[in-house]
Amino acid sequence: MKIDNDLFRFIRVSKRLSQREFAKMIGYSHGLVSHIETKLLPVSNSVSRAVIETFDLSDEEIIKYKELLKIAV
């Protein structure tokens, strides 16, 4: 399952991580995280995979995050 820009930010915020902390954990730069969150760049397959693997997210958990995101918006 792929993560979109809004879900990417929602996961970071729900983990109570700064952009820099999140970037370090997933192995990408702070600049990339910032560009994804401001929708200047899409979430690539490799970044999506890094988030899923780093936080050990199942498809069911991603679906829950998507549902929570709908409620929050």
PDB file of N, CA and C in Angstrom:
ATOM      1  N   MET A   1       0.850  -1.185   0.000  1.00  0.00           N
ATOM      2  CA  MET A   1       0.000   0.000   0.000  1.00  0.00           C
ATOM      3  C   MET A   1       0.892   1.243   0.000  1.00  0.00           C
ATOM      4  N   LYS A   2       0.516   2.246  -0.786  1.00  0.00           N
ATOM      5  CA  LYS A   2       1.320   3.456  -0.919  1.00  0.00           C
ATOM      6  C   LYS A   2       0.793   4.563  -0.008  1.00  0.00           C
ATOM      7  N   ILE A   3       1.699   5.408   0.407  1.00  0.00           N
ATOM      8  CA  ILE A   3       1.382   6.541   1.281  1.00  0.00           C
ATOM      9  C   ILE A   3       1.366   7.817   0.435  1.00  0.00           C
ATOM     10  N   ASP A   4       0.336   8.652   0.598  1.00  0.00           N
ATOM     11  CA  ASP A   4       0.308   9.932  -0.111  1.00  0.00           C
ATOM     12  C   ASP A   4       0.874  11.035   0.783  1.00  0.00           C
ATOM     13  N   ASN A   5       0.936  12.245   0.263  1.00  0.00           N
ATOM     14  CA  ASN A   5       1.556  13.363   0.975  1.00  0.00           C
ATOM     15  C   ASN A   5       0.888  13.668   2.312  1.00  0.00           C
ATOM     16  N   ASP A   6      -0.442  13.695   2.315  1.00  0.00           N
ATOM     17  CA  ASP A   6      -1.162  14.010   3.556  1.00  0.00           C
ATOM     18  C   ASP A   6      -0.947  12.931   4.605  1.00  0.00           C
ATOM     19  N   LEU A   7      -0.989  11.692   4.174  1.00  0.00           N
ATOM     20  CA  LEU A   7      -0.791  10.583   5.104  1.00  0.00           C
ATOM     21  C   LEU A   7       0.646  10.561   5.626  1.00  0.00           C
ATOM     22  N   PHE A   8       1.589  10.902   4.764  1.00  0.00           N
ATOM     23  CA  PHE A   8       3.003  10.986   5.142  1.00  0.00           C
ATOM     24  C   PHE A   8       3.167  11.930   6.342  1.00  0.00           C
ATOM     25  N   ARG A   9       2.598  13.129   6.227  1.00  0.00           N
ATOM     26  CA  ARG A   9       2.681  14.112   7.315  1.00  0.00           C
ATOM     27  C   ARG A   9       1.921  13.633   8.551  1.00  0.00           C
ATOM     28  N   PHE A  10       0.746  13.062   8.338  1.00  0.00           N
ATOM     29  CA  PHE A  10      -0.080  12.586   9.443  1.00  0.00           C
ATOM     30  C   PHE A  10       0.658  11.524  10.260  1.00  0.00           C
ATOM     31  N   ILE A  11       1.342  10.622   9.591  1.00  0.00           N
ATOM     32  CA  ILE A  11       2.113   9.591  10.295  1.00  0.00           C
ATOM     33  C   ILE A  11       3.210  10.240  11.123  1.00  0.00           C
ATOM     34  N   ARG A  12       3.934  11.193  10.539  1.00  0.00           N
ATOM     35  CA  ARG A  12       5.024  11.864  11.276  1.00  0.00           C
ATOM     36  C   ARG A  12       4.484  12.564  12.516  1.00  0.00           C
ATOM     37  N   VAL A  13       3.424  13.324  12.337  1.00  0.00           N
ATOM     38  CA  VAL A  13       2.848  14.082  13.451  1.00  0.00           C
ATOM     39  C   VAL A  13       2.305  13.133  14.522  1.00  0.00           C
ATOM     40  N   SER A  14       1.669  12.055  14.107  1.00  0.00           N
ATOM     41  CA  SER A  14       1.116  11.107  15.075  1.00  0.00           C
ATOM     42  C   SER A  14       2.209  10.427  15.891  1.00  0.00           C
ATOM     43  N   LYS A  15       3.403  10.339  15.324  1.00  0.00           N
ATOM     44  CA  LYS A  15       4.547   9.754  16.039  1.00  0.00           C
ATOM     45  C   LYS A  15       5.272  10.819  16.886  1.00  0.00           C
ATOM     46  N   ARG A  16       4.783  12.045  16.806  1.00  0.00           N
ATOM     47  CA  ARG A  16       5.344  13.180  17.555  1.00  0.00           C
ATOM     48  C   ARG A  16       6.824  13.408  17.233  1.00  0.00           C
ATOM     49  N   LEU A  17       7.124  13.364  15.931  1.00  0.00           N
ATOM     50  CA  LEU A  17       8.498  13.558  15.475  1.00  0.00           C
ATOM     51  C   LEU A  17       8.617  14.854  14.685  1.00  0.00           C
ATOM     52  N   SER A  18       9.750  15.513  14.835  1.00  0.00           N
ATOM     53  CA  SER A  18      10.027  16.677  13.997  1.00  0.00           C
ATOM     54  C   SER A  18      10.337  16.175  12.588  1.00  0.00           C
ATOM     55  N   GLN A  19      10.338  17.081  11.633  1.00  0.00           N
ATOM     56  CA  GLN A  19      10.701  16.685  10.268  1.00  0.00           C
ATOM     57  C   GLN A  19      12.118  16.113  10.238  1.00  0.00           C
ATOM     58  N   ARG A  20      13.021  16.718  10.978  1.00  0.00           N
ATOM     59  CA  ARG A  20      14.413  16.235  11.002  1.00  0.00           C
ATOM     60  C   ARG A  20      14.516  14.837  11.620  1.00  0.00           C
ATOM     61  N   GLU A  21      13.824  14.615  12.717  1.00  0.00           N
ATOM     62  CA  GLU A  21      13.839  13.289  13.353  1.00  0.00           C
ATOM     63  C   GLU A  21      13.255  12.227  12.422  1.00  0.00           C
ATOM     64  N   PHE A  22      12.132  12.569  11.803  1.00  0.00           N
ATOM     65  CA  PHE A  22      11.461  11.655  10.886  1.00  0.00           C
ATOM     66  C   PHE A  22      12.365  11.325   9.698  1.00  0.00           C
ATOM     67  N   ALA A  23      12.976  12.359   9.128  1.00  0.00           N
ATOM     68  CA  ALA A  23      13.872  12.174   7.985  1.00  0.00           C
ATOM     69  C   ALA A  23      15.018  11.235   8.339  1.00  0.00           C
ATOM     70  N   LYS A  24      15.616  11.450   9.492  1.00  0.00           N
ATOM     71  CA  LYS A  24      16.732  10.605   9.915  1.00  0.00           C
ATOM     72  C   LYS A  24      16.280   9.152  10.083  1.00  0.00           C
ATOM     73  N   MET A  25      15.119   8.967  10.666  1.00  0.00           N
ATOM     74  CA  MET A  25      14.618   7.615  10.903  1.00  0.00           C
ATOM     75  C   MET A  25      14.343   6.858   9.603  1.00  0.00           C
ATOM     76  N   ILE A  26      13.808   7.559   8.594  1.00  0.00           N
ATOM     77  CA  ILE A  26      13.483   6.877   7.343  1.00  0.00           C
ATOM     78  C   ILE A  26      14.647   6.887   6.348  1.00  0.00           C
ATOM     79  N   GLY A  27      15.721   7.594   6.699  1.00  0.00           N
ATOM     80  CA  GLY A  27      16.913   7.572   5.860  1.00  0.00           C
ATOM     81  C   GLY A  27      16.905   8.530   4.684  1.00  0.00           C
ATOM     82  N   TYR A  28      16.166   9.620   4.818  1.00  0.00           N
ATOM     83  CA  TYR A  28      16.112  10.636   3.765  1.00  0.00           C
ATOM     84  C   TYR A  28      16.394  12.003   4.379  1.00  0.00           C
ATOM     85  N   SER A  29      16.576  12.993   3.532  1.00  0.00           N
ATOM     86  CA  SER A  29      16.930  14.326   4.019  1.00  0.00           C
ATOM     87  C   SER A  29      15.716  15.078   4.567  1.00  0.00           C
ATOM     88  N   HIS A  30      16.023  16.012   5.438  1.00  0.00           N
ATOM     89  CA  HIS A  30      14.985  16.898   5.974  1.00  0.00           C
ATOM     90  C   HIS A  30      14.321  17.668   4.840  1.00  0.00           C
ATOM     91  N   GLY A  31      15.120  18.096   3.876  1.00  0.00           N
ATOM     92  CA  GLY A  31      14.586  18.847   2.739  1.00  0.00           C
ATOM     93  C   GLY A  31      13.549  18.060   1.967  1.00  0.00           C
ATOM     94  N   LEU A  32      13.801  16.779   1.765  1.00  0.00           N
ATOM     95  CA  LEU A  32      12.843  15.939   1.048  1.00  0.00           C
ATOM     96  C   LEU A  32      11.549  15.814   1.841  1.00  0.00           C
ATOM     97  N   VAL A  33      11.664  15.592   3.135  1.00  0.00           N
ATOM     98  CA  VAL A  33      10.476  15.499   3.989  1.00  0.00           C
ATOM     99  C   VAL A  33       9.669  16.798   3.891  1.00  0.00           C
ATOM    100  N   SER A  34      10.339  17.912   3.965  1.00  0.00           N
ATOM    101  CA  SER A  34       9.669  19.203   3.869  1.00  0.00           C
ATOM    102  C   SER A  34       8.962  19.369   2.526  1.00  0.00           C
ATOM    103  N   HIS A  35       9.631  19.000   1.446  1.00  0.00           N
ATOM    104  CA  HIS A  35       9.032  19.121   0.112  1.00  0.00           C
ATOM    105  C   HIS A  35       7.832  18.190  -0.058  1.00  0.00           C
ATOM    106  N   ILE A  36       7.887  17.024   0.518  1.00  0.00           N
ATOM    107  CA  ILE A  36       6.748  16.100   0.446  1.00  0.00           C
ATOM    108  C   ILE A  36       5.573  16.671   1.225  1.00  0.00           C
ATOM    109  N   GLU A  37       5.839  17.182   2.420  1.00  0.00           N
ATOM    110  CA  GLU A  37       4.748  17.697   3.252  1.00  0.00           C
ATOM    111  C   GLU A  37       4.108  18.954   2.680  1.00  0.00           C
ATOM    112  N   THR A  38       4.869  19.735   1.925  1.00  0.00           N
ATOM    113  CA  THR A  38       4.297  20.937   1.296  1.00  0.00           C
ATOM    114  C   THR A  38       3.806  20.643  -0.121  1.00  0.00           C
ATOM    115  N   LYS A  39       3.831  19.360  -0.478  1.00  0.00           N
ATOM    116  CA  LYS A  39       3.329  18.870  -1.760  1.00  0.00           C
ATOM    117  C   LYS A  39       4.101  19.392  -2.967  1.00  0.00           C
ATOM    118  N   LEU A  40       5.353  19.759  -2.741  1.00  0.00           N
ATOM    119  CA  LEU A  40       6.214  20.123  -3.867  1.00  0.00           C
ATOM    120  C   LEU A  40       6.710  18.875  -4.580  1.00  0.00           C
ATOM    121  N   LEU A  41       6.734  17.761  -3.864  1.00  0.00           N
ATOM    122  CA  LEU A  41       7.122  16.470  -4.426  1.00  0.00           C
ATOM    123  C   LEU A  41       6.125  15.410  -3.977  1.00  0.00           C
ATOM    124  N   PRO A  42       5.869  14.436  -4.836  1.00  0.00           N
ATOM    125  CA  PRO A  42       5.029  13.318  -4.407  1.00  0.00           C
ATOM    126  C   PRO A  42       5.841  12.362  -3.540  1.00  0.00           C
ATOM    127  N   VAL A  43       5.157  11.492  -2.850  1.00  0.00           N
ATOM    128  CA  VAL A  43       5.823  10.453  -2.063  1.00  0.00           C
ATOM    129  C   VAL A  43       6.203   9.341  -3.052  1.00  0.00           C
ATOM    130  N   SER A  44       7.491   9.138  -3.237  1.00  0.00           N
ATOM    131  CA  SER A  44       7.940   8.092  -4.156  1.00  0.00           C
ATOM    132  C   SER A  44       7.687   6.716  -3.547  1.00  0.00           C
ATOM    133  N   ASN A  45       7.756   5.707  -4.383  1.00  0.00           N
ATOM    134  CA  ASN A  45       7.580   4.343  -3.887  1.00  0.00           C
ATOM    135  C   ASN A  45       8.639   3.995  -2.849  1.00  0.00           C
ATOM    136  N   SER A  46       9.878   4.448  -3.075  1.00  0.00           N
ATOM    137  CA  SER A  46      10.957   4.114  -2.133  1.00  0.00           C
ATOM    138  C   SER A  46      10.774   4.818  -0.792  1.00  0.00           C
ATOM    139  N   VAL A  47      10.301   6.052  -0.806  1.00  0.00           N
ATOM    140  CA  VAL A  47      10.050   6.775   0.449  1.00  0.00           C
ATOM    141  C   VAL A  47       8.866   6.145   1.175  1.00  0.00           C
ATOM    142  N   SER A  48       7.826   5.828   0.439  1.00  0.00           N
ATOM    143  CA  SER A  48       6.658   5.173   1.034  1.00  0.00           C
ATOM    144  C   SER A  48       7.084   3.858   1.701  1.00  0.00           C
ATOM    145  N   ARG A  49       7.874   3.083   0.996  1.00  0.00           N
ATOM    146  CA  ARG A  49       8.358   1.800   1.531  1.00  0.00           C
ATOM    147  C   ARG A  49       9.203   2.018   2.782  1.00  0.00           C
ATOM    148  N   ALA A  50      10.045   3.070   2.780  1.00  0.00           N
ATOM    149  CA  ALA A  50      10.895   3.365   3.939  1.00  0.00           C
ATOM    150  C   ALA A  50      10.054   3.685   5.167  1.00  0.00           C
ATOM    151  N   VAL A  51       8.990   4.458   4.991  1.00  0.00           N
ATOM    152  CA  VAL A  51       8.101   4.795   6.114  1.00  0.00           C
ATOM    153  C   VAL A  51       7.415   3.530   6.630  1.00  0.00           C
ATOM    154  N   ILE A  52       6.893   2.742   5.720  1.00  0.00           N
ATOM    155  CA  ILE A  52       6.184   1.511   6.101  1.00  0.00           C
ATOM    156  C   ILE A  52       7.118   0.561   6.844  1.00  0.00           C
ATOM    157  N   GLU A  53       8.319   0.398   6.340  1.00  0.00           N
ATOM    158  CA  GLU A  53       9.269  -0.519   6.974  1.00  0.00           C
ATOM    159  C   GLU A  53       9.802   0.025   8.293  1.00  0.00           C
ATOM    160  N   THR A  54      10.107   1.316   8.342  1.00  0.00           N
ATOM    161  CA  THR A  54      10.653   1.923   9.560  1.00  0.00           C
ATOM    162  C   THR A  54       9.680   1.794  10.728  1.00  0.00           C
ATOM    163  N   PHE A  55       8.414   2.031  10.455  1.00  0.00           N
ATOM    164  CA  PHE A  55       7.407   2.007  11.516  1.00  0.00           C
ATOM    165  C   PHE A  55       6.611   0.701  11.524  1.00  0.00           C
ATOM    166  N   ASP A  56       7.056  -0.249  10.724  1.00  0.00           N
ATOM    167  CA  ASP A  56       6.449  -1.587  10.683  1.00  0.00           C
ATOM    168  C   ASP A  56       4.931  -1.499  10.548  1.00  0.00           C
ATOM    169  N   LEU A  57       4.484  -0.749   9.547  1.00  0.00           N
ATOM    170  CA  LEU A  57       3.059  -0.511   9.346  1.00  0.00           C
ATOM    171  C   LEU A  57       2.445  -1.587   8.472  1.00  0.00           C
ATOM    172  N   SER A  58       1.383  -2.190   8.947  1.00  0.00           N
ATOM    173  CA  SER A  58       0.638  -3.166   8.154  1.00  0.00           C
ATOM    174  C   SER A  58      -0.369  -2.419   7.278  1.00  0.00           C
ATOM    175  N   ASP A  59      -0.925  -3.114   6.300  1.00  0.00           N
ATOM    176  CA  ASP A  59      -1.963  -2.508   5.463  1.00  0.00           C
ATOM    177  C   ASP A  59      -3.138  -2.048   6.321  1.00  0.00           C
ATOM    178  N   GLU A  60      -3.462  -2.830   7.334  1.00  0.00           N
ATOM    179  CA  GLU A  60      -4.584  -2.472   8.214  1.00  0.00           C
ATOM    180  C   GLU A  60      -4.293  -1.176   8.975  1.00  0.00           C
ATOM    181  N   GLU A  61      -3.051  -1.013   9.433  1.00  0.00           N
ATOM    182  CA  GLU A  61      -2.687   0.216  10.149  1.00  0.00           C
ATOM    183  C   GLU A  61      -2.725   1.419   9.210  1.00  0.00           C
ATOM    184  N   ILE A  62      -2.282   1.239   7.984  1.00  0.00           N
ATOM    185  CA  ILE A  62      -2.319   2.334   7.007  1.00  0.00           C
ATOM    186  C   ILE A  62      -3.766   2.732   6.734  1.00  0.00           C
ATOM    187  N   ILE A  63      -4.648   1.761   6.609  1.00  0.00           N
ATOM    188  CA  ILE A  63      -6.077   2.048   6.410  1.00  0.00           C
ATOM    189  C   ILE A  63      -6.625   2.815   7.604  1.00  0.00           C
ATOM    190  N   LYS A  64      -6.242   2.427   8.826  1.00  0.00           N
ATOM    191  CA  LYS A  64      -6.685   3.149  10.032  1.00  0.00           C
ATOM    192  C   LYS A  64      -6.198   4.595  10.004  1.00  0.00           C
ATOM    193  N   TYR A  65      -4.919   4.790   9.648  1.00  0.00           N
ATOM    194  CA  TYR A  65      -4.385   6.150   9.553  1.00  0.00           C
ATOM    195  C   TYR A  65      -5.181   6.967   8.534  1.00  0.00           C
ATOM    196  N   LYS A  66      -5.520   6.361   7.395  1.00  0.00           N
ATOM    197  CA  LYS A  66      -6.290   7.068   6.370  1.00  0.00           C
ATOM    198  C   LYS A  66      -7.663   7.458   6.901  1.00  0.00           C
ATOM    199  N   GLU A  67      -8.281   6.573   7.653  1.00  0.00           N
ATOM    200  CA  GLU A  67      -9.598   6.877   8.239  1.00  0.00           C
ATOM    201  C   GLU A  67      -9.486   8.002   9.263  1.00  0.00           C
ATOM    202  N   LEU A  68      -8.462   7.954  10.097  1.00  0.00           N
ATOM    203  CA  LEU A  68      -8.242   9.020  11.082  1.00  0.00           C
ATOM    204  C   LEU A  68      -7.974  10.360  10.401  1.00  0.00           C
ATOM    205  N   LEU A  69      -7.223  10.311   9.312  1.00  0.00           N
ATOM    206  CA  LEU A  69      -6.907  11.526   8.569  1.00  0.00           C
ATOM    207  C   LEU A  69      -8.179  12.168   8.019  1.00  0.00           C
ATOM    208  N   LYS A  70      -9.115  11.344   7.529  1.00  0.00           N
ATOM    209  CA  LYS A  70     -10.383  11.865   7.025  1.00  0.00           C
ATOM    210  C   LYS A  70     -11.156  12.575   8.127  1.00  0.00           C
ATOM    211  N   ILE A  71     -11.127  12.011   9.337  1.00  0.00           N
ATOM    212  CA  ILE A  71     -11.829  12.607  10.471  1.00  0.00           C
ATOM    213  C   ILE A  71     -11.167  13.917  10.885  1.00  0.00           C
ATOM    214  N   ALA A  72      -9.841  13.942  10.853  1.00  0.00           N
ATOM    215  CA  ALA A  72      -9.091  15.120  11.289  1.00  0.00           C
ATOM    216  C   ALA A  72      -9.245  16.302  10.346  1.00  0.00           C
ATOM    217  N   VAL A  73      -9.547  16.028   9.101  1.00  0.00           N
ATOM    218  CA  VAL A  73      -9.656  17.094   8.088  1.00  0.00           C
ATOM    219  C   VAL A  73     -11.032  17.614   8.036  1.00  0.00           C
TER     220      VAL A  73
END
